[in-house]
Protein backbone atom coordinates (compact mmCIF):
# COMPACT_ATOMS: atom_id res chain seq x y z
CA MET A 1 0.22 -29.60 -5.49
CA PRO A 2 0.28 -28.53 -9.05
CA GLN A 3 4.08 -27.98 -10.42
CA PHE A 4 4.87 -26.15 -13.07
CA ASN A 5 8.43 -25.36 -15.00
CA ILE A 6 10.64 -22.39 -14.87
CA HIS A 7 9.18 -21.39 -18.14
CA VAL A 8 5.77 -21.31 -17.63
CA ALA A 9 5.98 -19.83 -13.88
CA LYS A 10 7.84 -16.94 -15.61
CA ALA A 11 5.03 -16.27 -18.36
CA HIS A 12 1.61 -17.25 -15.56
CA LEU A 13 3.61 -15.68 -12.48
CA SER A 14 0.13 -13.64 -11.69
CA GLU A 15 -1.79 -16.59 -11.86
CA LEU A 16 0.59 -18.70 -9.63
CA ILE A 17 0.68 -16.18 -6.94
CA GLN A 18 -3.53 -15.72 -7.51
CA LYS A 19 -3.40 -19.69 -6.64
CA ALA A 20 -0.73 -19.21 -3.78
CA ILE A 21 -3.22 -16.14 -1.95
CA LEU A 22 -6.38 -18.25 -2.67
CA GLY A 23 -3.82 -21.17 -0.12
CA GLU A 24 -2.47 -23.60 -2.95
CA GLU A 25 0.98 -24.73 -2.68
CA VAL A 26 2.38 -24.37 -6.02
CA ILE A 27 5.63 -26.11 -7.15
CA ILE A 28 8.43 -24.50 -9.49
CA ALA A 29 10.57 -27.04 -11.40
CA ARG A 30 13.79 -27.04 -13.61
CA ASP A 31 13.51 -30.14 -15.64
CA ASN A 32 10.41 -31.06 -13.97
CA LYS A 33 12.61 -31.28 -10.77
CA PRO A 34 11.20 -29.18 -7.55
CA ILE A 35 13.79 -26.24 -6.91
CA ALA A 36 10.55 -24.03 -4.84
CA LYS A 37 7.77 -23.66 -3.37
CA LEU A 38 4.71 -20.61 -3.83
CA VAL A 39 2.99 -20.06 -0.89
CA ALA A 40 1.11 -16.93 0.40
CA LEU A 41 2.79 -14.99 3.21
CA ASN A 42 0.65 -14.66 6.42
CA PRO A 43 -0.37 -11.10 7.83
CA PRO A 44 1.37 -10.02 10.95
CA LYS A 45 -1.01 -10.24 13.47
CA ARG A 46 -1.22 -7.17 15.42
CA GLN A 47 -0.36 -6.83 18.88
CA ARG A 48 -3.64 -6.52 21.26
CA THR A 49 -4.38 -3.22 23.55
CA LEU A 50 -6.00 -4.52 26.54
CA GLY A 51 -8.45 -1.54 28.26
CA PHE A 52 -8.11 0.59 24.41
CA ALA A 53 -12.13 0.69 25.70
CA LYS A 54 -12.06 1.95 29.06
CA ASP A 55 -14.23 4.53 29.88
CA LEU A 56 -15.63 4.42 26.29
CA ILE A 57 -18.43 1.75 27.24
CA THR A 58 -21.03 2.08 30.46
CA ILE A 59 -23.55 -0.06 31.49
CA ALA A 60 -26.44 0.41 33.53
CA PRO A 61 -25.98 0.17 37.00
CA ASP A 62 -29.21 -2.06 36.92
CA PHE A 63 -27.91 -4.25 34.34
CA ASN A 64 -27.91 -7.37 36.57
CA ASP A 65 -31.40 -6.45 38.01
CA PRO A 66 -34.03 -9.27 36.84
CA LEU A 67 -36.20 -7.77 34.26
CA ASN A 68 -40.11 -7.73 35.23
CA ASP A 69 -41.19 -9.04 32.12
CA PHE A 70 -39.38 -12.15 33.02
CA GLU A 71 -40.91 -13.10 36.77
CA ASP A 72 -43.18 -15.95 35.55
CA TYR A 73 -39.68 -17.58 34.33
CA GLN A 74 -38.04 -17.37 37.88
């Protein structure tokens, strides 16, 4: 984990944020003593909705019937 003093962190904040977005943890220090950690937030996951595609997808009635081309393999 790279460590940066506050003065350097202020001057290079956008670069440090980019490092955090890429998954790196960045430590911010005062007088070389760690005081904060900069990490990216995980985006909230959307709640899944069951059955949202109901009646949008149809399956042929003979879907499970054996295929004529594969009689030799059965």
